[in-house]
N, C-alpha and C. Protein backbone atom coordinates (compact mmCIF):
# COMPACT_ATOMS: atom_id res chain seq x y z
N UNK A 1 -9.21 -3.87 -10.25
CA UNK A 1 -8.36 -4.88 -9.68
C UNK A 1 -8.05 -4.50 -8.23
N UNK A 2 -7.82 -5.50 -7.42
CA UNK A 2 -7.51 -5.30 -6.01
C UNK A 2 -6.13 -5.89 -5.72
N UNK A 3 -5.34 -5.18 -4.93
CA UNK A 3 -4.04 -5.67 -4.49
C UNK A 3 -4.01 -5.65 -2.97
N UNK A 4 -3.59 -6.77 -2.39
CA UNK A 4 -3.37 -6.85 -0.95
C UNK A 4 -1.86 -6.90 -0.77
N UNK A 5 -1.33 -5.88 -0.10
CA UNK A 5 0.11 -5.63 -0.08
C UNK A 5 0.63 -5.66 1.35
N UNK A 6 1.67 -6.44 1.59
CA UNK A 6 2.37 -6.47 2.88
C UNK A 6 3.73 -5.82 2.70
N UNK A 7 3.98 -4.77 3.47
CA UNK A 7 5.24 -4.04 3.36
C UNK A 7 6.00 -4.22 4.67
N UNK A 8 7.25 -4.67 4.56
CA UNK A 8 8.05 -4.87 5.76
C UNK A 8 9.31 -4.01 5.70
N UNK A 9 9.90 -3.82 6.86
CA UNK A 9 11.07 -2.97 7.03
C UNK A 9 10.77 -1.94 8.10
N UNK A 10 11.42 -0.79 8.01
CA UNK A 10 11.10 0.31 8.95
C UNK A 10 9.98 1.11 8.30
N UNK A 11 8.74 0.69 8.56
CA UNK A 11 7.58 1.28 7.89
C UNK A 11 6.52 1.77 8.87
N UNK A 12 6.80 1.70 10.16
CA UNK A 12 5.88 2.27 11.15
C UNK A 12 6.60 3.40 11.88
N UNK A 13 5.85 4.45 12.17
CA UNK A 13 6.42 5.59 12.86
C UNK A 13 7.20 6.52 11.94
N UNK A 14 7.04 6.35 10.62
CA UNK A 14 7.78 7.17 9.66
C UNK A 14 6.85 7.83 8.63
N UNK A 15 5.54 7.80 8.90
CA UNK A 15 4.57 8.42 7.99
C UNK A 15 4.23 7.56 6.78
N UNK A 16 4.44 6.26 6.89
CA UNK A 16 4.21 5.39 5.74
C UNK A 16 2.74 5.33 5.34
N UNK A 17 1.84 5.26 6.30
CA UNK A 17 0.42 5.18 5.96
C UNK A 17 -0.05 6.44 5.24
N UNK A 18 0.35 7.59 5.73
CA UNK A 18 -0.01 8.86 5.07
C UNK A 18 0.59 8.89 3.66
N UNK A 19 1.85 8.46 3.55
CA UNK A 19 2.52 8.40 2.25
C UNK A 19 1.73 7.53 1.28
N UNK A 20 1.28 6.36 1.75
CA UNK A 20 0.52 5.44 0.91
C UNK A 20 -0.81 6.06 0.48
N UNK A 21 -1.51 6.67 1.42
CA UNK A 21 -2.79 7.30 1.07
C UNK A 21 -2.59 8.42 0.04
N UNK A 22 -1.57 9.26 0.23
CA UNK A 22 -1.30 10.35 -0.69
C UNK A 22 -0.90 9.84 -2.07
N UNK A 23 -0.08 8.80 -2.11
CA UNK A 23 0.32 8.20 -3.39
C UNK A 23 -0.90 7.65 -4.11
N UNK A 24 -1.78 7.00 -3.37
CA UNK A 24 -3.00 6.46 -3.96
C UNK A 24 -3.87 7.56 -4.55
N UNK A 25 -4.05 8.64 -3.81
CA UNK A 25 -4.86 9.76 -4.29
C UNK A 25 -4.28 10.34 -5.58
N UNK A 26 -2.95 10.50 -5.61
CA UNK A 26 -2.28 11.03 -6.79
C UNK A 26 -2.47 10.14 -8.02
N UNK A 27 -2.49 8.83 -7.79
CA UNK A 27 -2.53 7.87 -8.89
C UNK A 27 -3.93 7.34 -9.20
N UNK A 28 -4.93 7.79 -8.46
CA UNK A 28 -6.29 7.31 -8.68
C UNK A 28 -6.54 5.92 -8.14
N UNK A 29 -5.83 5.57 -7.07
CA UNK A 29 -5.96 4.27 -6.42
C UNK A 29 -6.58 4.49 -5.04
N UNK A 30 -7.62 3.75 -4.74
CA UNK A 30 -8.20 3.80 -3.39
C UNK A 30 -7.40 2.85 -2.52
N UNK A 31 -7.00 3.33 -1.35
CA UNK A 31 -6.15 2.48 -0.50
C UNK A 31 -6.52 2.63 0.97
N UNK A 32 -6.20 1.58 1.71
CA UNK A 32 -6.44 1.53 3.15
C UNK A 32 -5.22 0.88 3.81
N UNK A 33 -4.21 1.69 4.20
CA UNK A 33 -3.04 1.14 4.88
C UNK A 33 -3.30 0.95 6.38
N UNK A 34 -2.85 -0.19 6.90
CA UNK A 34 -3.09 -0.54 8.30
C UNK A 34 -1.78 -1.02 8.92
N UNK A 35 -1.42 -0.48 10.09
CA UNK A 35 -0.26 -0.98 10.83
C UNK A 35 -0.60 -2.34 11.44
N UNK A 36 0.33 -3.29 11.31
CA UNK A 36 0.17 -4.60 11.93
C UNK A 36 1.03 -4.66 13.20
N UNK A 37 0.66 -5.52 14.11
CA UNK A 37 1.40 -5.65 15.38
C UNK A 37 2.84 -6.07 15.19
N UNK A 38 3.13 -6.80 14.11
CA UNK A 38 4.48 -7.31 13.89
C UNK A 38 5.41 -6.28 13.23
N UNK A 39 4.94 -5.04 13.04
CA UNK A 39 5.78 -3.97 12.49
C UNK A 39 5.61 -3.75 10.99
N UNK A 40 4.87 -4.62 10.33
CA UNK A 40 4.62 -4.43 8.91
C UNK A 40 3.40 -3.55 8.70
N UNK A 41 3.23 -3.10 7.46
CA UNK A 41 2.04 -2.36 7.07
C UNK A 41 1.31 -3.18 6.01
N UNK A 42 0.01 -3.36 6.20
CA UNK A 42 -0.85 -4.07 5.25
C UNK A 42 -1.65 -3.02 4.51
N UNK A 43 -1.60 -3.06 3.18
CA UNK A 43 -2.32 -2.09 2.37
C UNK A 43 -3.28 -2.83 1.45
N UNK A 44 -4.55 -2.46 1.50
CA UNK A 44 -5.53 -2.92 0.54
C UNK A 44 -5.71 -1.77 -0.44
N UNK A 45 -5.59 -2.08 -1.73
CA UNK A 45 -5.70 -1.04 -2.74
C UNK A 45 -6.51 -1.54 -3.92
N UNK A 46 -7.30 -0.65 -4.50
CA UNK A 46 -8.08 -0.98 -5.68
C UNK A 46 -7.94 0.13 -6.71
N UNK A 47 -7.82 -0.28 -7.96
CA UNK A 47 -7.71 0.67 -9.05
C UNK A 47 -7.44 -0.06 -10.34
N UNK A 48 -7.15 0.71 -11.37
CA UNK A 48 -6.80 0.14 -12.66
C UNK A 48 -5.44 -0.55 -12.54
N UNK A 49 -5.22 -1.64 -13.28
CA UNK A 49 -3.96 -2.39 -13.16
C UNK A 49 -2.70 -1.52 -13.31
N UNK A 50 -2.69 -0.63 -14.30
CA UNK A 50 -1.50 0.20 -14.50
C UNK A 50 -1.30 1.18 -13.35
N UNK A 51 -2.39 1.69 -12.77
CA UNK A 51 -2.28 2.59 -11.62
C UNK A 51 -1.80 1.82 -10.39
N UNK A 52 -2.27 0.59 -10.21
CA UNK A 52 -1.81 -0.23 -9.09
C UNK A 52 -0.32 -0.51 -9.19
N UNK A 53 0.17 -0.78 -10.39
CA UNK A 53 1.61 -1.04 -10.57
C UNK A 53 2.43 0.18 -10.17
N UNK A 54 1.98 1.37 -10.58
CA UNK A 54 2.68 2.59 -10.19
C UNK A 54 2.61 2.81 -8.68
N UNK A 55 1.45 2.51 -8.09
CA UNK A 55 1.26 2.64 -6.65
C UNK A 55 2.23 1.72 -5.90
N UNK A 56 2.33 0.48 -6.33
CA UNK A 56 3.22 -0.48 -5.68
C UNK A 56 4.68 -0.04 -5.83
N UNK A 57 5.01 0.53 -6.97
CA UNK A 57 6.37 1.06 -7.18
C UNK A 57 6.67 2.16 -6.15
N UNK A 58 5.68 3.02 -5.90
CA UNK A 58 5.84 4.07 -4.90
C UNK A 58 6.01 3.47 -3.50
N UNK A 59 5.23 2.43 -3.17
CA UNK A 59 5.35 1.80 -1.86
C UNK A 59 6.74 1.19 -1.66
N UNK A 60 7.33 0.67 -2.73
CA UNK A 60 8.68 0.10 -2.63
C UNK A 60 9.70 1.16 -2.24
N UNK A 61 9.46 2.41 -2.63
CA UNK A 61 10.35 3.53 -2.26
C UNK A 61 10.06 3.98 -0.83
N UNK A 62 8.77 4.22 -0.54
CA UNK A 62 8.37 4.69 0.78
C UNK A 62 8.73 6.15 1.02
N UNK A 63 8.32 6.69 2.16
CA UNK A 63 8.66 8.08 2.50
C UNK A 63 10.13 8.18 2.92
N UNK A 64 10.57 9.40 3.12
CA UNK A 64 11.98 9.70 3.38
C UNK A 64 12.61 8.86 4.50
N UNK A 65 11.95 8.70 5.62
CA UNK A 65 12.58 8.04 6.77
C UNK A 65 12.27 6.54 6.86
N UNK A 66 11.55 6.03 5.89
CA UNK A 66 11.25 4.60 5.87
C UNK A 66 12.42 3.84 5.23
N UNK A 67 12.48 2.56 5.53
CA UNK A 67 13.41 1.65 4.86
C UNK A 67 12.61 0.40 4.51
N UNK A 68 12.15 0.34 3.28
CA UNK A 68 11.33 -0.77 2.83
C UNK A 68 12.25 -1.93 2.48
N UNK A 69 12.02 -3.07 3.15
CA UNK A 69 12.83 -4.25 2.89
C UNK A 69 12.15 -5.23 1.94
N UNK A 70 10.83 -5.34 2.04
CA UNK A 70 10.12 -6.31 1.22
C UNK A 70 8.69 -5.86 0.98
N UNK A 71 8.19 -6.15 -0.21
CA UNK A 71 6.81 -5.85 -0.57
C UNK A 71 6.23 -7.11 -1.22
N UNK A 72 5.25 -7.71 -0.56
CA UNK A 72 4.56 -8.89 -1.09
C UNK A 72 3.18 -8.47 -1.55
N UNK A 73 2.82 -8.85 -2.78
CA UNK A 73 1.55 -8.43 -3.36
C UNK A 73 0.74 -9.66 -3.77
N UNK A 74 -0.53 -9.66 -3.41
CA UNK A 74 -1.48 -10.66 -3.87
C UNK A 74 -2.60 -9.92 -4.60
N UNK A 75 -2.86 -10.32 -5.84
CA UNK A 75 -3.91 -9.69 -6.63
C UNK A 75 -5.19 -10.50 -6.51
N UNK A 76 -6.30 -9.77 -6.45
CA UNK A 76 -7.62 -10.38 -6.37
C UNK A 76 -8.59 -9.57 -7.22
N UNK A 77 -9.81 -10.06 -7.30
CA UNK A 77 -10.86 -9.31 -7.97
C UNK A 77 -11.30 -8.16 -7.06
N UNK A 78 -11.54 -7.01 -7.65
CA UNK A 78 -11.96 -5.84 -6.88
C UNK A 78 -13.30 -6.09 -6.20
N UNK A 79 -13.43 -5.60 -4.96
CA UNK A 79 -14.68 -5.71 -4.22
C UNK A 79 -15.45 -4.39 -4.24
N UNK A 80 -14.80 -3.30 -4.66
CA UNK A 80 -15.46 -2.01 -4.71
C UNK A 80 -15.36 -1.21 -3.43
N UNK A 81 -14.71 -1.78 -2.41
CA UNK A 81 -14.56 -1.08 -1.13
C UNK A 81 -13.27 -1.56 -0.47
N UNK A 82 -12.32 -0.67 -0.31
CA UNK A 82 -11.03 -1.07 0.27
C UNK A 82 -11.13 -1.35 1.78
N UNK A 83 -12.30 -1.11 2.36
CA UNK A 83 -12.47 -1.41 3.78
C UNK A 83 -13.07 -2.78 4.00
N UNK A 84 -13.43 -3.48 2.92
CA UNK A 84 -13.91 -4.87 3.01
C UNK A 84 -12.72 -5.80 2.88
N UNK A 85 -12.59 -6.71 3.83
CA UNK A 85 -11.47 -7.66 3.76
C UNK A 85 -11.96 -9.02 3.37
């Protein structure tokens, strides 16, 4: 399964992308977090549904200095490569 995730709040300049990549590695989720110009982080993630749910739960928390205000998730069919949009 594939999840396209938009995370808003104080999520840039606080190690959020590294946090997302590390959380994905721990949970067996392949992820590609990208900073957007508007201050949000866009994360493409693929993995098993239960692993994706745990991953999204971690993103809602974020790293220590982040303040996550909103997480929007769209589910799609997996493409097999998190770098394909």
